[in-house]
Amino acid sequence: MDPSPKFSISRWLRSKTGLAFIAFLAIAAFFLITEHKAHLFGVLPYALLLLSLLLFLFMRRWQDGRNPHDSRQPEDGK
């Protein structure tokens, strides 16, 4: 007789305790998603406005093929 039975996650998930735990996690996930979705959609217009401004600034930086981080000096034709 083996005094220390091996733990099996699949067997534990099918037990009454495991099924109750899975049901609790599903209910908690449902309420977390539904409650936080309202906050996410409320901030979304401001986030899109900020992202468009950042995109404009970054695209303007590299306008006309100039890179401000380019350390090469222009050639004088010598």
C-alpha atoms as a PDB file:
ATOM      1  CA  MET A   1       0.000   0.000   0.000  1.00  0.00           C
ATOM      2  CA  ASP A   2       1.319   3.440  -0.981  1.00  0.00           C
ATOM      3  CA  PRO A   3       1.066   5.858   1.985  1.00  0.00           C
ATOM      4  CA  SER A   4       1.464   9.017  -0.157  1.00  0.00           C
ATOM      5  CA  PRO A   5      -0.903   9.051  -3.147  1.00  0.00           C
ATOM      6  CA  LYS A   6       0.265  11.157  -6.082  1.00  0.00           C
ATOM      7  CA  PHE A   7      -1.520  14.426  -6.770  1.00  0.00           C
ATOM      8  CA  SER A   8      -3.232  14.672 -10.158  1.00  0.00           C
ATOM      9  CA  ILE A   9      -4.553  18.026 -11.353  1.00  0.00           C
ATOM     10  CA  SER A  10      -6.982  16.442 -13.802  1.00  0.00           C
ATOM     11  CA  ARG A  11      -8.469  14.257 -11.071  1.00  0.00           C
ATOM     12  CA  TRP A  12      -8.707  17.268  -8.704  1.00  0.00           C
ATOM     13  CA  LEU A  13     -10.478  19.406 -11.364  1.00  0.00           C
ATOM     14  CA  ARG A  14     -13.125  16.703 -11.756  1.00  0.00           C
ATOM     15  CA  SER A  15     -13.756  16.539  -8.021  1.00  0.00           C
ATOM     16  CA  LYS A  16     -16.522  18.503  -6.292  1.00  0.00           C
ATOM     17  CA  THR A  17     -14.016  21.026  -4.977  1.00  0.00           C
ATOM     18  CA  GLY A  18     -12.408  21.487  -8.387  1.00  0.00           C
ATOM     19  CA  LEU A  19     -15.752  21.981 -10.130  1.00  0.00           C
ATOM     20  CA  ALA A  20     -16.806  24.543  -7.517  1.00  0.00           C
ATOM     21  CA  PHE A  21     -13.490  26.350  -7.984  1.00  0.00           C
ATOM     22  CA  ILE A  22     -13.920  26.415 -11.788  1.00  0.00           C
ATOM     23  CA  ALA A  23     -17.475  27.728 -11.413  1.00  0.00           C
ATOM     24  CA  PHE A  24     -16.267  30.447  -9.024  1.00  0.00           C
ATOM     25  CA  LEU A  25     -13.513  31.486 -11.461  1.00  0.00           C
ATOM     26  CA  ALA A  26     -15.972  31.619 -14.375  1.00  0.00           C
ATOM     27  CA  ILE A  27     -18.413  33.804 -12.424  1.00  0.00           C
ATOM     28  CA  ALA A  28     -15.635  36.091 -11.192  1.00  0.00           C
ATOM     29  CA  ALA A  29     -14.207  36.431 -14.721  1.00  0.00           C
ATOM     30  CA  PHE A  30     -17.640  37.288 -16.099  1.00  0.00           C
ATOM     31  CA  PHE A  31     -18.213  40.085 -13.589  1.00  0.00           C
ATOM     32  CA  LEU A  32     -14.661  41.446 -13.935  1.00  0.00           C
ATOM     33  CA  ILE A  33     -14.949  41.605 -17.713  1.00  0.00           C
ATOM     34  CA  THR A  34     -18.410  43.204 -17.736  1.00  0.00           C
ATOM     35  CA  GLU A  35     -17.565  45.816 -15.092  1.00  0.00           C
ATOM     36  CA  HIS A  36     -14.192  46.822 -16.539  1.00  0.00           C
ATOM     37  CA  LYS A  37     -15.459  46.962 -20.112  1.00  0.00           C
ATOM     38  CA  ALA A  38     -17.332  50.174 -19.296  1.00  0.00           C
ATOM     39  CA  HIS A  39     -14.131  51.806 -18.042  1.00  0.00           C
ATOM     40  CA  LEU A  40     -12.179  50.678 -21.086  1.00  0.00           C
ATOM     41  CA  PHE A  41     -14.730  52.018 -23.546  1.00  0.00           C
ATOM     42  CA  GLY A  42     -14.909  55.294 -21.617  1.00  0.00           C
ATOM     43  CA  VAL A  43     -11.161  55.885 -21.967  1.00  0.00           C
ATOM     44  CA  LEU A  44     -10.923  54.636 -25.551  1.00  0.00           C
ATOM     45  CA  PRO A  45     -11.713  57.974 -27.315  1.00  0.00           C
ATOM     46  CA  TYR A  46      -9.013  59.759 -25.311  1.00  0.00           C
ATOM     47  CA  ALA A  47      -6.515  56.977 -25.978  1.00  0.00           C
ATOM     48  CA  LEU A  48      -7.206  57.156 -29.729  1.00  0.00           C
ATOM     49  CA  LEU A  49      -6.761  60.934 -29.660  1.00  0.00           C
ATOM     50  CA  LEU A  50      -3.444  60.616 -27.826  1.00  0.00           C
ATOM     51  CA  LEU A  51      -2.226  57.880 -30.175  1.00  0.00           C
ATOM     52  CA  SER A  52      -3.105  59.927 -33.261  1.00  0.00           C
ATOM     53  CA  LEU A  53      -1.199  62.904 -31.846  1.00  0.00           C
ATOM     54  CA  LEU A  54       1.831  60.733 -31.152  1.00  0.00           C
ATOM     55  CA  LEU A  55       1.646  59.255 -34.647  1.00  0.00           C
ATOM     56  CA  PHE A  56       1.530  62.754 -36.123  1.00  0.00           C
ATOM     57  CA  LEU A  57       4.572  63.846 -34.118  1.00  0.00           C
ATOM     58  CA  PHE A  58       6.615  60.762 -35.034  1.00  0.00           C
ATOM     59  CA  MET A  59       5.699  60.982 -38.721  1.00  0.00           C
ATOM     60  CA  ARG A  60       6.599  64.669 -38.774  1.00  0.00           C
ATOM     61  CA  ARG A  61      10.009  63.895 -37.305  1.00  0.00           C
ATOM     62  CA  TRP A  62      10.987  61.810 -40.333  1.00  0.00           C
ATOM     63  CA  GLN A  63       9.374  64.090 -42.917  1.00  0.00           C
ATOM     64  CA  ASP A  64      11.321  64.557 -46.180  1.00  0.00           C
ATOM     65  CA  GLY A  65      13.578  61.609 -45.392  1.00  0.00           C
ATOM     66  CA  ARG A  66      15.504  63.456 -42.689  1.00  0.00           C
ATOM     67  CA  ASN A  67      16.388  61.533 -39.615  1.00  0.00           C
ATOM     68  CA  PRO A  68      17.332  63.690 -36.597  1.00  0.00           C
ATOM     69  CA  HIS A  69      19.461  60.840 -35.201  1.00  0.00           C
ATOM     70  CA  ASP A  70      21.593  60.628 -38.340  1.00  0.00           C
ATOM     71  CA  SER A  71      25.110  61.715 -37.332  1.00  0.00           C
ATOM     72  CA  ARG A  72      26.587  61.786 -40.854  1.00  0.00           C
ATOM     73  CA  GLN A  73      27.772  65.162 -42.109  1.00  0.00           C
ATOM     74  CA  PRO A  74      26.708  66.347 -45.579  1.00  0.00           C
ATOM     75  CA  GLU A  75      29.369  65.877 -48.241  1.00  0.00           C
ATOM     76  CA  ASP A  76      30.945  68.992 -49.821  1.00  0.00           C
ATOM     77  CA  GLY A  77      31.721  67.242 -53.109  1.00  0.00           C
ATOM     78  CA  LYS A  78      35.495  66.978 -52.389  1.00  0.00           C
END
